[in-house]
Each structure stands twice: as structure tokens, then as C-alpha cells.
């Protein structure tokens, strides 16, 4: 989802690789959020890399921000949970840690917390790198990691 933001800064531009001029060409927030609601299936779950237990509850914070934006459009409290049957968040980080416990990542060092960064798990699964800190590339990598871990799960290589 692309939407205009109120506060722009150079740090955001350097991280997301989206210029201020480009951001101004996006839809206004209310239109973008209405399109998001039209796109969401009746039942869905957020898939993120972070684990809410290791990321200080930031996933819940992100959902709260989304709920707040929707309430500004007139949606009721807990709209996504009640109207869209939002399922609990799925953490790819948790799936990756489980795969590691089953010795599926020879290139990740045991007991090295930093080795569970998304870029390291991507490299362990696919033997290559991607342009990290580019928002689009990070999301593409997340989806690819998730699909690969689910494939391993479906093949009963390890239990989740």
C-alpha cells in the first residue's frame, strides 16, 4: 500500500528509497486505506519477519496504528478482528528459529542471535543476498523466505 505521509524526512527517503516527490504522487491516506480494505480477503493474517516476543511487541503496535487509521475512516474498534476475521500474526522469525533448531541452516551459527536477521536467513536458504533496506526488496525477500519455510514444513522436514 502506498500513501502520502504527513511528516517526511531524509532518513525515510534513504531507507525506503522513495523520494519526497515520488511520495507526493501516491494516493492520500484515506483513499489508500479504503483500497486496502477492498483488497483484504474476508479472513487474513499479517506475515512479518519480526517476532513480537523478541521485538518488544512492535507487531501489536503496528496493528494498533492500522486500527487507528481505520477508525479515522469511521471503522469500529477492532474492525479487522471482527469484520475481517484477522488471525494472529505469523512471525517468519519464529519459523526460521524452529528450522534452525532442526539443523536446517548449516550457515547459521548456533546461539548467535544476530544470525537470525532476515538477510542471514535469506542467505542460508537461497545462498545469495538481496538489496536489504530497500522496502520492496525486503518484502519480496520476506515472502520468498516464508514460502520456502512453508515448503519445508509441508514436506515434513521439520515440525512447527
Protein backbone atom coordinates (compact mmCIF):
# COMPACT_ATOMS: atom_id res chain seq x y z
CA UNK A 1 0.00 0.00 0.00
CA UNK A 2 1.38 3.39 -0.97
CA UNK A 3 0.08 6.53 0.69
CA UNK A 4 1.16 10.08 1.32
CA UNK A 5 2.54 10.79 4.79
CA UNK A 6 2.37 13.97 6.85
CA UNK A 7 5.94 14.02 8.09
CA UNK A 8 8.73 13.30 5.63
CA UNK A 9 12.42 13.08 6.43
CA UNK A 10 15.63 12.31 4.59
CA UNK A 11 16.23 9.23 6.73
CA UNK A 12 12.97 7.68 5.49
CA UNK A 13 13.96 8.53 1.95
CA UNK A 14 17.35 6.85 2.30
CA UNK A 15 15.91 3.71 3.93
CA UNK A 16 12.89 3.20 1.69
CA UNK A 17 14.42 4.64 -1.49
CA UNK A 18 11.28 6.72 -2.12
CA UNK A 19 11.82 10.40 -2.79
CA UNK A 20 9.61 13.14 -1.38
CA UNK A 21 8.42 13.92 -4.93
CA UNK A 22 7.52 10.26 -5.53
CA UNK A 23 5.68 10.03 -2.18
CA UNK A 24 3.59 13.09 -3.12
CA UNK A 25 2.35 11.19 -6.21
CA UNK A 26 0.82 8.46 -4.01
CA UNK A 27 -2.85 8.47 -3.01
CA UNK A 28 -3.95 10.35 0.07
CA UNK A 29 -4.09 8.15 3.16
CA UNK A 30 -7.85 7.78 3.37
CA UNK A 31 -8.10 6.60 -0.24
CA UNK A 32 -5.19 4.19 0.18
CA UNK A 33 -6.69 2.65 3.33
CA UNK A 34 -10.09 2.23 1.64
CA UNK A 35 -8.33 0.42 -1.22
CA UNK A 36 -6.55 -1.77 1.35
CA UNK A 37 -9.91 -2.76 2.83
CA UNK A 38 -11.19 -3.63 -0.62
CA UNK A 39 -8.10 -5.77 -1.24
CA UNK A 40 -8.13 -7.71 2.06
CA UNK A 41 -9.73 -11.16 1.97
CA UNK A 42 -12.51 -11.99 4.44
CA UNK A 43 -10.00 -13.89 6.57
CA UNK A 44 -6.32 -12.95 6.72
CA UNK A 45 -3.20 -12.79 8.87
CA UNK A 46 -0.23 -10.46 8.89
CA UNK A 47 3.05 -12.14 7.99
CA UNK A 48 6.08 -10.28 9.25
CA UNK A 49 9.68 -11.15 9.86
CA UNK A 50 9.76 -9.88 13.42
CA UNK A 51 8.69 -11.93 16.39
CA UNK A 52 6.55 -9.91 18.80
CA UNK A 53 8.27 -11.62 21.72
CA UNK A 54 11.71 -10.52 20.53
CA UNK A 55 10.71 -7.18 19.03
CA UNK A 56 9.13 -5.66 22.15
CA UNK A 57 5.57 -6.01 20.93
CA UNK A 58 6.08 -3.88 17.84
CA UNK A 59 3.78 -6.10 15.78
CA UNK A 60 0.90 -5.30 18.09
CA UNK A 61 1.88 -1.64 17.86
CA UNK A 62 1.76 -1.78 14.04
CA UNK A 63 -1.71 -3.37 14.09
CA UNK A 64 -2.84 -0.72 16.59
CA UNK A 65 -1.66 2.00 14.20
CA UNK A 66 -3.58 0.36 11.36
CA UNK A 67 -6.71 0.08 13.54
CA UNK A 68 -6.33 3.75 14.48
CA UNK A 69 -6.10 4.81 10.83
CA UNK A 70 -9.20 2.77 10.05
CA UNK A 71 -11.07 4.31 12.99
CA UNK A 72 -10.34 7.74 11.46
CA UNK A 73 -12.24 6.47 8.41
CA UNK A 74 -15.21 5.57 10.65
CA UNK A 75 -14.48 1.88 11.28
CA UNK A 76 -15.39 0.47 14.70
CA UNK A 77 -12.87 -0.66 17.33
CA UNK A 78 -11.20 -3.97 16.48
CA UNK A 79 -12.62 -3.68 12.97
CA UNK A 80 -10.11 -6.05 11.38
CA UNK A 81 -10.64 -8.70 14.04
CA UNK A 82 -14.43 -8.52 13.94
CA UNK A 83 -15.19 -7.69 10.31
CA UNK A 84 -12.30 -9.43 8.58
CA UNK A 85 -11.57 -12.28 11.00
CA UNK A 86 -7.94 -11.21 11.32
CA UNK A 87 -5.90 -14.19 12.52
CA UNK A 88 -2.93 -13.95 14.93
CA UNK A 89 0.26 -12.59 13.37
CA UNK A 90 2.66 -15.10 11.86
CA UNK A 91 6.33 -14.48 12.53
CA UNK A 92 8.75 -15.75 9.91
CA UNK A 93 11.46 -15.23 12.54
CA UNK A 94 9.79 -17.87 14.70
CA UNK A 95 9.60 -20.28 11.75
CA UNK A 96 13.28 -19.68 10.99
CA UNK A 97 14.30 -20.32 14.61
CA UNK A 98 12.39 -23.59 14.57
CA UNK A 99 14.09 -24.61 11.32
CA UNK A 100 17.43 -23.77 12.89
CA UNK A 101 16.67 -25.98 15.89
CA UNK A 102 16.16 -28.78 13.39
CA UNK A 103 19.64 -28.08 11.92
CA UNK A 104 18.34 -26.89 8.56
CA UNK A 105 20.70 -23.90 8.33
CA UNK A 106 24.30 -25.04 8.18
CA UNK A 107 25.48 -21.47 7.62
CA UNK A 108 23.85 -20.02 10.74
CA UNK A 109 25.84 -20.18 13.94
CA UNK A 110 24.05 -21.71 16.89
CA UNK A 111 23.43 -19.25 19.76
CA UNK A 112 24.23 -16.23 17.56
CA UNK A 113 21.13 -14.05 17.81
CA UNK A 114 22.33 -11.77 15.03
CA UNK A 115 22.40 -14.71 12.65
CA UNK A 116 18.59 -14.65 12.59
CA UNK A 117 18.45 -11.34 10.79
CA UNK A 118 16.30 -11.59 7.67
CA UNK A 119 19.33 -11.14 5.39
CA UNK A 120 21.16 -14.04 7.06
CA UNK A 121 18.17 -16.39 6.92
CA UNK A 122 17.70 -15.48 3.26
CA UNK A 123 21.35 -16.31 2.57
CA UNK A 124 21.07 -19.61 4.46
CA UNK A 125 18.02 -20.64 2.43
CA UNK A 126 18.99 -19.38 -1.01
CA UNK A 127 22.77 -18.97 -0.91
CA UNK A 128 22.60 -15.37 -2.04
CA UNK A 129 21.89 -11.83 -0.99
CA UNK A 130 19.37 -9.15 -1.89
CA UNK A 131 19.23 -5.39 -1.56
CA UNK A 132 18.39 -5.15 2.13
CA UNK A 133 16.87 -1.92 3.46
CA UNK A 134 15.05 -1.36 0.21
CA UNK A 135 11.41 -1.66 1.30
CA UNK A 136 10.24 -3.51 -1.81
CA UNK A 137 13.19 -5.91 -1.84
CA UNK A 138 12.80 -6.61 1.90
CA UNK A 139 9.14 -7.55 1.38
CA UNK A 140 9.95 -9.71 -1.65
CA UNK A 141 12.64 -11.50 0.37
CA UNK A 142 10.23 -11.96 3.30
CA UNK A 143 7.65 -13.57 1.03
CA UNK A 144 10.27 -15.82 -0.55
CA UNK A 145 11.61 -16.91 2.88
CA UNK A 146 8.07 -17.57 4.13
CA UNK A 147 7.19 -19.70 1.09
CA UNK A 148 10.40 -21.69 1.40
CA UNK A 149 9.87 -22.36 5.12
CA UNK A 150 6.27 -23.44 4.46
CA UNK A 151 7.52 -25.78 1.73
CA UNK A 152 9.90 -27.35 4.22
CA UNK A 153 7.04 -27.61 6.72
CA UNK A 154 4.73 -29.22 4.16
CA UNK A 155 7.42 -31.71 3.24
CA UNK A 156 7.61 -32.73 6.92
CA UNK A 157 11.28 -31.92 7.04
CA UNK A 158 10.66 -30.36 10.42
CA UNK A 159 7.73 -29.80 12.72
CA UNK A 160 6.34 -26.36 13.62
